N, C-alpha and C. Protein backbone atom coordinates (compact mmCIF):
# COMPACT_ATOMS: atom_id res chain seq x y z
N UNK A 1 146.24 139.46 53.73
CA UNK A 1 145.14 138.91 52.94
C UNK A 1 143.85 139.00 53.76
N UNK A 2 142.80 139.52 53.18
CA UNK A 2 141.52 139.71 53.87
C UNK A 2 140.78 138.39 53.95
N UNK A 3 140.23 138.10 55.13
CA UNK A 3 139.45 136.89 55.32
C UNK A 3 138.14 137.03 54.55
N UNK A 4 137.91 136.14 53.58
CA UNK A 4 136.73 136.24 52.73
C UNK A 4 135.45 135.95 53.50
N UNK A 5 135.52 135.15 54.56
CA UNK A 5 134.33 134.82 55.31
C UNK A 5 133.86 136.03 56.14
N UNK A 6 134.78 136.83 56.63
CA UNK A 6 134.45 138.01 57.42
C UNK A 6 135.11 139.23 56.79
N UNK A 7 134.52 139.75 55.70
CA UNK A 7 135.13 140.91 55.05
C UNK A 7 135.16 142.10 55.99
N UNK A 8 136.21 142.92 55.86
CA UNK A 8 136.34 144.10 56.71
C UNK A 8 135.26 145.10 56.34
N UNK A 9 134.68 145.71 57.36
CA UNK A 9 133.66 146.72 57.12
C UNK A 9 134.30 148.09 57.16
N UNK A 10 133.73 148.99 56.43
CA UNK A 10 134.18 150.37 56.42
C UNK A 10 133.91 150.96 57.81
N UNK A 11 134.94 151.47 58.51
CA UNK A 11 134.72 152.00 59.86
C UNK A 11 133.78 153.20 59.87
N UNK A 12 133.62 153.88 58.73
CA UNK A 12 132.72 155.03 58.66
C UNK A 12 131.27 154.59 58.47
N UNK A 13 131.07 153.31 58.11
CA UNK A 13 129.72 152.79 57.89
C UNK A 13 129.04 152.57 59.24
N UNK A 14 127.83 153.10 59.39
CA UNK A 14 127.08 152.95 60.63
C UNK A 14 125.77 152.23 60.35
N UNK A 15 125.32 151.49 61.34
CA UNK A 15 124.03 150.82 61.25
C UNK A 15 123.09 151.56 62.18
N UNK A 16 121.98 152.00 61.66
CA UNK A 16 120.98 152.69 62.45
C UNK A 16 120.02 151.66 63.02
N UNK A 17 120.03 151.46 64.33
CA UNK A 17 119.18 150.47 64.99
C UNK A 17 118.04 151.19 65.68
N UNK A 18 116.82 150.78 65.37
CA UNK A 18 115.65 151.38 65.98
C UNK A 18 115.18 150.51 67.13
N UNK A 19 114.85 151.12 68.26
CA UNK A 19 114.40 150.39 69.45
C UNK A 19 113.10 151.02 69.93
N UNK A 20 112.00 150.28 69.79
CA UNK A 20 110.71 150.82 70.24
C UNK A 20 110.66 150.83 71.76
N UNK A 21 109.76 151.63 72.31
CA UNK A 21 109.62 151.70 73.78
C UNK A 21 109.26 150.34 74.35
N UNK A 22 108.37 149.63 73.69
CA UNK A 22 107.93 148.32 74.17
C UNK A 22 109.10 147.34 74.25
N UNK A 23 109.91 147.29 73.21
CA UNK A 23 111.05 146.38 73.20
C UNK A 23 112.11 146.84 74.18
N UNK A 24 112.28 148.15 74.33
CA UNK A 24 113.29 148.69 75.25
C UNK A 24 113.01 148.32 76.70
N UNK A 25 111.76 148.07 77.05
CA UNK A 25 111.42 147.66 78.42
C UNK A 25 112.00 146.30 78.75
N UNK A 26 112.19 145.47 77.76
CA UNK A 26 112.76 144.14 77.98
C UNK A 26 111.74 143.15 78.51
N UNK A 27 112.15 141.90 78.55
CA UNK A 27 111.32 140.81 79.05
C UNK A 27 112.17 139.99 80.00
N UNK A 28 111.67 139.74 81.22
CA UNK A 28 112.43 138.95 82.18
C UNK A 28 112.34 137.47 81.84
N UNK A 29 113.49 136.79 81.91
CA UNK A 29 113.56 135.36 81.68
C UNK A 29 114.55 134.77 82.67
N UNK A 30 114.19 133.64 83.27
CA UNK A 30 115.10 132.96 84.18
C UNK A 30 115.40 131.53 83.74
N UNK A 31 115.07 131.23 82.49
CA UNK A 31 115.36 129.92 81.92
C UNK A 31 115.43 130.06 80.40
N UNK A 32 116.38 129.41 79.79
CA UNK A 32 116.47 129.39 78.34
C UNK A 32 116.60 127.95 77.88
N UNK A 33 115.89 127.63 76.81
CA UNK A 33 116.00 126.30 76.22
C UNK A 33 116.47 126.49 74.79
N UNK A 34 117.42 125.66 74.39
CA UNK A 34 118.03 125.81 73.07
C UNK A 34 117.86 124.51 72.29
N UNK A 35 117.38 124.64 71.07
CA UNK A 35 117.26 123.50 70.15
C UNK A 35 117.94 123.90 68.85
N UNK A 36 118.31 122.91 68.05
CA UNK A 36 118.94 123.23 66.78
C UNK A 36 118.63 122.18 65.73
N UNK A 37 118.73 122.62 64.49
CA UNK A 37 118.67 121.73 63.34
C UNK A 37 119.95 121.97 62.56
N UNK A 38 120.04 121.43 61.37
CA UNK A 38 121.26 121.64 60.59
C UNK A 38 121.35 123.07 60.06
N UNK A 39 120.25 123.82 60.10
CA UNK A 39 120.28 125.16 59.51
C UNK A 39 119.97 126.30 60.47
N UNK A 40 119.53 125.99 61.70
CA UNK A 40 119.20 127.07 62.61
C UNK A 40 119.26 126.65 64.07
N UNK A 41 119.42 127.65 64.93
CA UNK A 41 119.32 127.49 66.37
C UNK A 41 118.07 128.22 66.82
N UNK A 42 117.34 127.61 67.75
CA UNK A 42 116.14 128.22 68.30
C UNK A 42 116.37 128.36 69.80
N UNK A 43 116.27 129.60 70.29
CA UNK A 43 116.44 129.86 71.72
C UNK A 43 115.11 130.38 72.25
N UNK A 44 114.52 129.63 73.19
CA UNK A 44 113.29 130.06 73.86
C UNK A 44 113.67 130.63 75.22
N UNK A 45 113.26 131.86 75.47
CA UNK A 45 113.47 132.49 76.76
C UNK A 45 112.17 132.35 77.54
N UNK A 46 112.28 131.75 78.73
CA UNK A 46 111.11 131.33 79.50
C UNK A 46 111.12 132.00 80.87
N UNK A 47 109.93 132.31 81.37
CA UNK A 47 109.79 132.80 82.74
C UNK A 47 109.17 131.68 83.56
N UNK A 48 109.95 131.19 84.51
CA UNK A 48 109.52 130.09 85.38
C UNK A 48 109.28 130.67 86.77
N UNK A 49 108.07 130.55 87.26
CA UNK A 49 107.73 131.10 88.57
C UNK A 49 107.65 129.98 89.59
N UNK A 50 108.18 130.21 90.81
CA UNK A 50 108.14 129.18 91.85
C UNK A 50 106.70 128.78 92.19
N UNK A 51 106.47 127.49 92.30
CA UNK A 51 105.16 126.97 92.69
C UNK A 51 104.12 126.96 91.59
N UNK A 52 104.49 127.42 90.40
CA UNK A 52 103.55 127.42 89.28
C UNK A 52 103.98 126.33 88.31
N UNK A 53 103.11 125.33 88.07
CA UNK A 53 103.52 124.20 87.24
C UNK A 53 103.66 124.51 85.76
N UNK A 54 103.20 125.67 85.33
CA UNK A 54 103.25 126.02 83.91
C UNK A 54 104.18 127.21 83.72
N UNK A 55 105.11 127.07 82.76
CA UNK A 55 106.03 128.17 82.44
C UNK A 55 105.70 128.68 81.05
N UNK A 56 105.89 129.98 80.85
CA UNK A 56 105.57 130.58 79.54
C UNK A 56 106.83 130.97 78.80
N UNK A 57 106.85 130.64 77.52
CA UNK A 57 107.91 131.16 76.64
C UNK A 57 107.58 132.62 76.41
N UNK A 58 108.50 133.50 76.80
CA UNK A 58 108.28 134.93 76.66
C UNK A 58 108.83 135.48 75.36
N UNK A 59 109.83 134.78 74.80
CA UNK A 59 110.42 135.22 73.54
C UNK A 59 111.12 134.04 72.88
N UNK A 60 111.06 133.97 71.56
CA UNK A 60 111.76 132.94 70.80
C UNK A 60 112.63 133.65 69.77
N UNK A 61 113.91 133.29 69.77
CA UNK A 61 114.86 133.86 68.83
C UNK A 61 115.37 132.71 67.95
N UNK A 62 115.32 132.91 66.64
CA UNK A 62 115.80 131.92 65.69
C UNK A 62 116.96 132.53 64.92
N UNK A 63 118.08 131.80 64.86
CA UNK A 63 119.27 132.34 64.19
C UNK A 63 120.05 131.25 63.49
N UNK A 64 120.92 131.68 62.58
CA UNK A 64 121.77 130.74 61.86
C UNK A 64 122.85 130.21 62.80
N UNK A 65 123.44 129.04 62.49
CA UNK A 65 124.54 128.53 63.31
C UNK A 65 125.71 129.51 63.39
N UNK A 66 126.01 130.20 62.30
CA UNK A 66 127.09 131.19 62.30
C UNK A 66 126.79 132.31 63.30
N UNK A 67 125.57 132.81 63.28
CA UNK A 67 125.21 133.89 64.19
C UNK A 67 125.20 133.39 65.64
N UNK A 68 124.76 132.15 65.86
CA UNK A 68 124.76 131.58 67.22
C UNK A 68 126.18 131.52 67.77
N UNK A 69 127.13 131.15 66.92
CA UNK A 69 128.52 131.08 67.37
C UNK A 69 129.06 132.47 67.69
N UNK A 70 128.69 133.47 66.89
CA UNK A 70 129.12 134.85 67.18
C UNK A 70 128.46 135.36 68.45
N UNK A 71 127.21 134.97 68.70
CA UNK A 71 126.53 135.35 69.94
C UNK A 71 127.25 134.73 71.14
N UNK A 72 127.64 133.47 71.04
CA UNK A 72 128.38 132.81 72.10
C UNK A 72 129.67 133.55 72.41
N UNK A 73 130.41 133.94 71.39
CA UNK A 73 131.66 134.67 71.59
C UNK A 73 131.40 136.03 72.26
N UNK A 74 130.34 136.71 71.83
CA UNK A 74 130.00 138.01 72.42
C UNK A 74 129.59 137.86 73.88
N UNK A 75 128.83 136.81 74.20
CA UNK A 75 128.45 136.56 75.60
C UNK A 75 129.67 136.26 76.46
N UNK A 76 130.58 135.42 75.95
CA UNK A 76 131.80 135.12 76.70
C UNK A 76 132.60 136.39 76.98
N UNK A 77 132.73 137.25 75.97
CA UNK A 77 133.47 138.49 76.12
C UNK A 77 132.80 139.40 77.16
N UNK A 78 131.48 139.53 77.08
CA UNK A 78 130.77 140.39 78.01
C UNK A 78 130.78 139.84 79.44
N UNK A 79 130.68 138.54 79.60
CA UNK A 79 130.76 137.94 80.94
C UNK A 79 132.14 138.17 81.53
N UNK A 80 133.17 138.02 80.74
CA UNK A 80 134.54 138.28 81.20
C UNK A 80 134.69 139.73 81.67
N UNK A 81 134.18 140.66 80.89
CA UNK A 81 134.25 142.08 81.27
C UNK A 81 133.44 142.35 82.54
N UNK A 82 132.27 141.74 82.65
CA UNK A 82 131.44 141.90 83.84
C UNK A 82 132.18 141.40 85.08
N UNK A 83 132.78 140.19 84.97
CA UNK A 83 133.47 139.62 86.12
C UNK A 83 134.71 140.43 86.50
N UNK A 84 135.37 141.04 85.53
CA UNK A 84 136.50 141.91 85.85
C UNK A 84 136.04 143.12 86.64
N UNK A 85 134.86 143.62 86.33
CA UNK A 85 134.35 144.82 86.99
C UNK A 85 133.66 144.52 88.31
N UNK A 86 132.93 143.39 88.40
CA UNK A 86 132.07 143.15 89.56
C UNK A 86 132.38 141.87 90.32
N UNK A 87 133.31 141.07 89.86
CA UNK A 87 133.64 139.82 90.53
C UNK A 87 132.99 138.62 89.85
N UNK A 88 133.47 137.45 90.24
CA UNK A 88 133.03 136.20 89.62
C UNK A 88 131.54 135.97 89.82
N UNK A 89 130.90 135.52 88.77
CA UNK A 89 129.48 135.15 88.84
C UNK A 89 129.41 133.72 89.38
N UNK A 90 128.74 133.55 90.50
CA UNK A 90 128.58 132.22 91.07
C UNK A 90 127.33 131.59 90.47
N UNK A 91 127.47 130.38 89.95
CA UNK A 91 126.33 129.67 89.39
C UNK A 91 125.96 128.53 90.31
N UNK A 92 124.66 128.26 90.39
CA UNK A 92 124.20 127.14 91.20
C UNK A 92 124.63 125.83 90.57
N UNK A 93 124.90 124.84 91.38
CA UNK A 93 125.34 123.55 90.85
C UNK A 93 124.17 122.73 90.33
N UNK A 94 122.96 123.10 90.71
CA UNK A 94 121.79 122.35 90.30
C UNK A 94 120.97 123.12 89.29
N UNK A 95 120.52 122.41 88.27
CA UNK A 95 119.58 123.00 87.32
C UNK A 95 118.18 122.60 87.72
N UNK A 96 117.20 122.95 86.93
CA UNK A 96 115.83 122.53 87.22
C UNK A 96 115.74 121.01 87.28
N UNK A 97 114.91 120.49 88.16
CA UNK A 97 114.81 119.05 88.34
C UNK A 97 113.54 118.48 87.72
N UNK A 98 113.20 118.93 86.53
CA UNK A 98 112.05 118.40 85.81
C UNK A 98 112.43 118.27 84.34
N UNK A 99 111.72 117.44 83.57
CA UNK A 99 112.09 117.26 82.17
C UNK A 99 111.88 118.56 81.39
N UNK A 100 112.87 118.90 80.56
CA UNK A 100 112.80 120.13 79.78
C UNK A 100 112.83 119.88 78.28
N UNK A 101 112.53 118.68 77.85
CA UNK A 101 112.63 118.37 76.43
C UNK A 101 111.33 118.70 75.73
N UNK A 102 111.41 119.58 74.73
CA UNK A 102 110.23 119.89 73.95
C UNK A 102 110.37 119.34 72.55
N UNK A 103 111.16 118.28 72.42
CA UNK A 103 111.32 117.62 71.13
C UNK A 103 112.63 118.01 70.48
N UNK A 104 113.34 117.06 69.96
CA UNK A 104 114.58 117.34 69.25
C UNK A 104 115.76 117.48 70.19
N UNK A 105 116.88 117.83 69.61
CA UNK A 105 118.12 118.02 70.37
C UNK A 105 118.02 119.34 71.09
N UNK A 106 118.47 119.40 72.35
CA UNK A 106 118.38 120.66 73.08
C UNK A 106 119.51 120.76 74.09
N UNK A 107 119.69 121.97 74.55
CA UNK A 107 120.60 122.27 75.64
C UNK A 107 119.89 123.27 76.52
N UNK A 108 120.51 123.67 77.59
CA UNK A 108 119.89 124.67 78.44
C UNK A 108 120.93 125.63 78.97
N UNK A 109 120.47 126.80 79.33
CA UNK A 109 121.36 127.81 79.87
C UNK A 109 120.71 128.46 81.06
């Protein structure tokens, strides 16, 4: 029985994704702040520079809760593959030591 929530896609069907040169260059971020409502997740990617009291949001991504959960699964899968190839990623035990609340419920990554 086919799962109605995730219908099977035709394997011959392709999605053509366009990537401009500007977007392909990417944007560096060393901090992410996540907020959510009942209908969406908002992820702000921020560049925080040492000794500079002001940080800039470099990109904001807004997505549905369903898409956020699929993104989480994809990140977990990719991190697992990365660690199999290159070894365990060591994370610092300390996060930033300043308030990061920009209103509403939030998390950080």
